[in-house]
């Protein structure tokens, strides 16, 4: 599952791994951040990965801790799901709060 807009290669990476990318729309009114209800509407037992970048590339949007906690509450219900995030964590262009949210037991 890939929130849009996304880095151009993410869907192809999924296809190369034998997966079918599911694009999750976001909106400018939400600062291009994935809404938990959007994720909840598509996630299922066959879901294997959620690519969630903060700061987002290409939008630069940063997920607040509270929103990530809401997303984590959904993800916890699917123990075989991997969440990939923080790709730009160490970029010198971004200064963002660092924290970790446990999504599995």
N, C-alpha and C. Protein backbone atom coordinates (compact mmCIF):
# COMPACT_ATOMS: atom_id res chain seq x y z
N UNK A 1 0.85 -1.16 0.00
CA UNK A 1 0.00 0.00 0.00
C UNK A 1 0.90 1.23 0.00
N UNK A 2 0.58 2.15 -0.90
CA UNK A 2 1.43 3.32 -1.10
C UNK A 2 0.56 4.57 -1.12
N UNK A 3 0.71 5.46 -0.13
CA UNK A 3 -0.03 6.72 -0.18
C UNK A 3 0.49 7.59 -1.33
N UNK A 4 -0.44 8.22 -2.05
CA UNK A 4 -0.07 9.12 -3.15
C UNK A 4 -0.17 10.56 -2.67
N UNK A 5 0.65 11.45 -3.17
CA UNK A 5 1.72 11.21 -4.14
C UNK A 5 2.88 10.44 -3.51
N UNK A 6 3.61 9.76 -4.33
CA UNK A 6 4.67 8.87 -3.86
C UNK A 6 5.89 9.01 -4.77
N UNK A 7 7.01 8.52 -4.28
CA UNK A 7 8.22 8.48 -5.08
C UNK A 7 7.98 7.55 -6.26
N UNK A 8 8.43 7.93 -7.41
CA UNK A 8 8.11 7.28 -8.68
C UNK A 8 8.41 5.78 -8.71
N UNK A 9 9.40 5.32 -8.00
CA UNK A 9 9.79 3.92 -8.11
C UNK A 9 9.04 2.97 -7.17
N UNK A 10 8.28 3.47 -6.20
CA UNK A 10 7.62 2.58 -5.24
C UNK A 10 6.72 1.53 -5.88
N UNK A 11 5.82 1.89 -6.80
CA UNK A 11 4.98 0.84 -7.40
C UNK A 11 5.80 -0.22 -8.15
N UNK A 12 6.84 0.21 -8.84
CA UNK A 12 7.68 -0.75 -9.56
C UNK A 12 8.44 -1.66 -8.62
N UNK A 13 8.85 -1.12 -7.48
CA UNK A 13 9.51 -1.97 -6.47
C UNK A 13 8.56 -3.06 -6.01
N UNK A 14 7.31 -2.70 -5.80
CA UNK A 14 6.30 -3.68 -5.38
C UNK A 14 6.12 -4.75 -6.46
N UNK A 15 6.01 -4.31 -7.70
CA UNK A 15 5.84 -5.27 -8.81
C UNK A 15 7.04 -6.22 -8.93
N UNK A 16 8.24 -5.68 -8.77
CA UNK A 16 9.44 -6.51 -8.84
C UNK A 16 9.45 -7.56 -7.74
N UNK A 17 8.82 -7.26 -6.62
CA UNK A 17 8.74 -8.21 -5.51
C UNK A 17 7.55 -9.16 -5.66
N UNK A 18 6.83 -9.06 -6.77
CA UNK A 18 5.71 -9.94 -7.02
C UNK A 18 4.40 -9.48 -6.40
N UNK A 19 4.35 -8.23 -5.96
CA UNK A 19 3.15 -7.70 -5.32
C UNK A 19 2.38 -6.79 -6.27
N UNK A 20 1.13 -6.57 -5.94
CA UNK A 20 0.32 -5.62 -6.69
C UNK A 20 0.20 -4.35 -5.84
N UNK A 21 0.76 -3.24 -6.30
CA UNK A 21 0.68 -2.02 -5.51
C UNK A 21 -0.76 -1.51 -5.41
N UNK A 22 -1.12 -1.08 -4.21
CA UNK A 22 -2.42 -0.46 -3.97
C UNK A 22 -2.14 0.98 -3.61
N UNK A 23 -2.58 1.89 -4.46
CA UNK A 23 -2.33 3.31 -4.26
C UNK A 23 -3.45 3.89 -3.41
N UNK A 24 -3.07 4.56 -2.32
CA UNK A 24 -4.03 5.18 -1.42
C UNK A 24 -4.04 6.68 -1.65
N UNK A 25 -5.14 7.24 -2.14
CA UNK A 25 -5.17 8.68 -2.41
C UNK A 25 -5.13 9.50 -1.13
N UNK A 26 -4.49 10.65 -1.21
CA UNK A 26 -4.48 11.63 -0.14
C UNK A 26 -4.91 12.95 -0.75
N UNK A 27 -5.09 13.96 0.08
CA UNK A 27 -5.54 15.24 -0.47
C UNK A 27 -4.75 16.40 0.12
N UNK A 28 -4.73 17.47 -0.63
CA UNK A 28 -4.02 18.67 -0.18
C UNK A 28 -4.64 19.21 1.10
N UNK A 29 -5.97 19.03 1.27
CA UNK A 29 -6.62 19.53 2.49
C UNK A 29 -6.14 18.78 3.73
N UNK A 30 -5.58 17.58 3.56
CA UNK A 30 -4.99 16.81 4.66
C UNK A 30 -3.47 16.88 4.64
N UNK A 31 -2.94 17.86 3.91
CA UNK A 31 -1.49 18.03 3.77
C UNK A 31 -0.83 16.77 3.19
N UNK A 32 -1.57 16.05 2.35
CA UNK A 32 -1.11 14.83 1.69
C UNK A 32 -0.70 13.74 2.67
N UNK A 33 -1.33 13.72 3.83
CA UNK A 33 -1.07 12.68 4.82
C UNK A 33 -2.15 11.61 4.72
N UNK A 34 -1.76 10.37 4.88
CA UNK A 34 -2.69 9.25 4.82
C UNK A 34 -3.66 9.31 5.99
N UNK A 35 -4.94 9.25 5.69
CA UNK A 35 -5.97 9.23 6.73
C UNK A 35 -6.17 7.79 7.20
N UNK A 36 -6.28 7.57 8.49
CA UNK A 36 -6.47 6.21 8.99
C UNK A 36 -7.66 5.50 8.37
N UNK A 37 -8.75 6.20 8.13
CA UNK A 37 -9.94 5.57 7.54
C UNK A 37 -9.68 5.12 6.10
N UNK A 38 -8.81 5.80 5.40
CA UNK A 38 -8.45 5.38 4.04
C UNK A 38 -7.67 4.07 4.10
N UNK A 39 -6.73 3.99 5.03
CA UNK A 39 -5.97 2.75 5.21
C UNK A 39 -6.89 1.61 5.63
N UNK A 40 -7.75 1.87 6.59
CA UNK A 40 -8.66 0.84 7.10
C UNK A 40 -9.58 0.29 6.01
N UNK A 41 -9.88 1.11 5.01
CA UNK A 41 -10.80 0.67 3.96
C UNK A 41 -10.17 -0.30 2.97
N UNK A 42 -8.84 -0.39 2.92
CA UNK A 42 -8.19 -1.27 1.94
C UNK A 42 -7.33 -2.36 2.56
N UNK A 43 -6.89 -2.18 3.78
CA UNK A 43 -6.00 -3.17 4.40
C UNK A 43 -6.77 -4.47 4.64
N UNK A 44 -6.07 -5.59 4.44
CA UNK A 44 -6.70 -6.90 4.68
C UNK A 44 -5.62 -7.93 4.98
N UNK A 45 -6.02 -9.16 5.18
CA UNK A 45 -5.09 -10.22 5.55
C UNK A 45 -4.02 -10.48 4.49
N UNK A 46 -4.25 -10.08 3.25
CA UNK A 46 -3.27 -10.27 2.18
C UNK A 46 -2.28 -9.12 2.10
N UNK A 47 -2.52 -8.04 2.81
CA UNK A 47 -1.61 -6.88 2.79
C UNK A 47 -0.29 -7.27 3.44
N UNK A 48 0.81 -6.86 2.81
CA UNK A 48 2.13 -7.23 3.32
C UNK A 48 3.03 -6.05 3.63
N UNK A 49 2.81 -4.91 3.00
CA UNK A 49 3.70 -3.78 3.25
C UNK A 49 2.95 -2.47 3.09
N UNK A 50 3.29 -1.52 3.95
CA UNK A 50 2.80 -0.16 3.86
C UNK A 50 4.04 0.73 3.78
N UNK A 51 4.18 1.45 2.69
CA UNK A 51 5.29 2.38 2.54
C UNK A 51 4.80 3.74 3.03
N UNK A 52 5.35 4.18 4.14
CA UNK A 52 4.89 5.40 4.78
C UNK A 52 6.10 6.24 5.13
N UNK A 53 6.35 7.27 4.37
CA UNK A 53 7.55 8.08 4.55
C UNK A 53 7.22 9.39 5.26
N UNK A 54 8.04 9.72 6.22
CA UNK A 54 7.88 10.98 6.95
C UNK A 54 9.27 11.49 7.30
N UNK A 55 9.71 12.58 6.72
CA UNK A 55 9.02 13.44 5.77
C UNK A 55 8.77 12.73 4.44
N UNK A 56 7.66 13.07 3.85
CA UNK A 56 7.25 12.46 2.60
C UNK A 56 8.06 12.98 1.43
N UNK A 57 8.38 12.07 0.54
CA UNK A 57 8.98 12.47 -0.72
C UNK A 57 7.97 12.07 -1.79
N UNK A 58 7.34 12.98 -2.45
CA UNK A 58 7.81 14.29 -2.85
C UNK A 58 7.18 15.49 -2.13
N UNK A 59 6.23 15.31 -1.21
CA UNK A 59 5.49 16.46 -0.67
C UNK A 59 6.21 17.18 0.46
N UNK A 60 7.05 16.48 1.21
CA UNK A 60 7.70 17.08 2.37
C UNK A 60 6.82 17.07 3.61
N UNK A 61 5.62 16.52 3.51
CA UNK A 61 4.72 16.46 4.67
C UNK A 61 5.31 15.56 5.75
N UNK A 62 5.10 15.98 7.00
CA UNK A 62 5.60 15.22 8.15
C UNK A 62 4.40 14.72 8.95
N UNK A 63 4.40 13.43 9.24
CA UNK A 63 3.31 12.84 10.02
C UNK A 63 3.47 13.20 11.49
N UNK A 64 2.44 13.79 12.10
CA UNK A 64 2.51 14.03 13.54
C UNK A 64 2.39 12.70 14.30
N UNK A 65 2.94 12.67 15.47
CA UNK A 65 2.95 11.45 16.28
C UNK A 65 1.54 10.91 16.48
N UNK A 66 0.58 11.76 16.72
CA UNK A 66 -0.79 11.32 16.98
C UNK A 66 -1.38 10.58 15.78
N UNK A 67 -1.13 11.09 14.58
CA UNK A 67 -1.64 10.44 13.38
C UNK A 67 -0.95 9.09 13.17
N UNK A 68 0.35 9.02 13.41
CA UNK A 68 1.06 7.75 13.29
C UNK A 68 0.54 6.73 14.31
N UNK A 69 0.16 7.19 15.48
CA UNK A 69 -0.40 6.28 16.48
C UNK A 69 -1.74 5.72 16.01
N UNK A 70 -2.55 6.54 15.35
CA UNK A 70 -3.82 6.06 14.79
C UNK A 70 -3.58 5.02 13.70
N UNK A 71 -2.61 5.29 12.84
CA UNK A 71 -2.27 4.34 11.78
C UNK A 71 -1.73 3.05 12.39
N UNK A 72 -0.89 3.17 13.42
CA UNK A 72 -0.33 1.99 14.08
C UNK A 72 -1.42 1.13 14.70
N UNK A 73 -2.46 1.75 15.23
CA UNK A 73 -3.57 0.98 15.82
C UNK A 73 -4.24 0.09 14.77
N UNK A 74 -4.30 0.55 13.54
CA UNK A 74 -4.86 -0.25 12.45
C UNK A 74 -3.89 -1.35 12.05
N UNK A 75 -2.63 -0.99 11.89
CA UNK A 75 -1.60 -1.92 11.44
C UNK A 75 -1.43 -3.08 12.44
N UNK A 76 -1.57 -2.80 13.72
CA UNK A 76 -1.39 -3.85 14.75
C UNK A 76 -2.32 -5.04 14.55
N UNK A 77 -3.42 -4.84 13.88
CA UNK A 77 -4.39 -5.92 13.65
C UNK A 77 -3.90 -6.90 12.59
N UNK A 78 -2.82 -6.57 11.90
CA UNK A 78 -2.30 -7.38 10.79
C UNK A 78 -0.83 -7.71 11.06
N UNK A 79 -0.56 -8.78 11.82
CA UNK A 79 0.81 -9.06 12.27
C UNK A 79 1.79 -9.40 11.15
N UNK A 80 1.31 -9.72 9.96
CA UNK A 80 2.23 -10.04 8.86
C UNK A 80 2.53 -8.82 8.00
N UNK A 81 2.13 -7.67 8.43
CA UNK A 81 2.32 -6.44 7.66
C UNK A 81 3.59 -5.72 8.10
N UNK A 82 4.40 -5.34 7.15
CA UNK A 82 5.62 -4.58 7.40
C UNK A 82 5.36 -3.12 7.05
N UNK A 83 5.78 -2.22 7.93
CA UNK A 83 5.65 -0.79 7.68
C UNK A 83 7.04 -0.24 7.42
N UNK A 84 7.22 0.36 6.26
CA UNK A 84 8.50 0.99 5.91
C UNK A 84 8.32 2.49 6.00
N UNK A 85 9.18 3.13 6.75
CA UNK A 85 9.08 4.57 6.93
C UNK A 85 10.45 5.14 7.25
N UNK A 86 10.49 6.42 7.44
CA UNK A 86 11.68 7.13 7.89
C UNK A 86 12.84 7.09 6.90
N UNK A 87 12.54 6.98 5.64
CA UNK A 87 13.59 6.91 4.63
C UNK A 87 14.47 8.16 4.66
N UNK A 88 13.88 9.30 4.91
CA UNK A 88 14.63 10.56 4.90
C UNK A 88 15.03 11.02 6.29
N UNK A 89 15.01 10.11 7.27
CA UNK A 89 15.27 10.48 8.65
C UNK A 89 16.57 11.24 8.82
N UNK A 90 17.61 10.81 8.15
CA UNK A 90 18.92 11.41 8.38
C UNK A 90 19.30 12.46 7.33
N UNK A 91 18.33 12.92 6.57
CA UNK A 91 18.61 13.96 5.60
C UNK A 91 18.92 15.26 6.32
N UNK A 92 19.92 15.97 5.86
CA UNK A 92 20.29 17.23 6.50
C UNK A 92 19.30 18.35 6.17
N UNK A 93 18.37 18.09 5.24
CA UNK A 93 17.41 19.12 4.87
C UNK A 93 16.19 19.14 5.78
N UNK A 94 15.98 18.08 6.53
CA UNK A 94 14.79 17.98 7.38
C UNK A 94 15.19 17.93 8.84
N UNK A 95 14.50 18.69 9.64
CA UNK A 95 14.68 18.63 11.09
C UNK A 95 13.32 18.26 11.67
N UNK A 96 13.15 17.00 11.99
CA UNK A 96 11.86 16.53 12.49
C UNK A 96 12.06 15.77 13.78
N UNK A 97 11.01 15.74 14.60
CA UNK A 97 11.04 14.99 15.84
C UNK A 97 11.19 13.51 15.52
N UNK A 98 12.03 12.82 16.27
CA UNK A 98 12.25 11.40 16.07
C UNK A 98 11.55 10.62 17.16
N UNK A 99 10.79 9.62 16.78
CA UNK A 99 10.13 8.74 17.75
C UNK A 99 9.82 7.43 17.05
N UNK A 100 9.59 6.41 17.84
CA UNK A 100 9.26 5.09 17.31
C UNK A 100 7.93 4.65 17.91
N UNK A 101 7.11 4.01 17.09
CA UNK A 101 5.82 3.50 17.54
C UNK A 101 5.81 2.01 17.26
N UNK A 102 5.62 1.23 18.29
CA UNK A 102 5.61 -0.22 18.15
C UNK A 102 4.30 -0.67 17.51
N UNK A 103 4.40 -1.47 16.45
CA UNK A 103 3.20 -1.93 15.77
C UNK A 103 2.97 -3.42 15.93
N UNK A 104 3.82 -4.10 16.67
CA UNK A 104 3.62 -5.54 16.88
C UNK A 104 3.90 -5.87 18.33
N UNK A 105 3.45 -7.05 18.74
CA UNK A 105 3.65 -7.44 20.14
C UNK A 105 4.97 -8.14 20.34
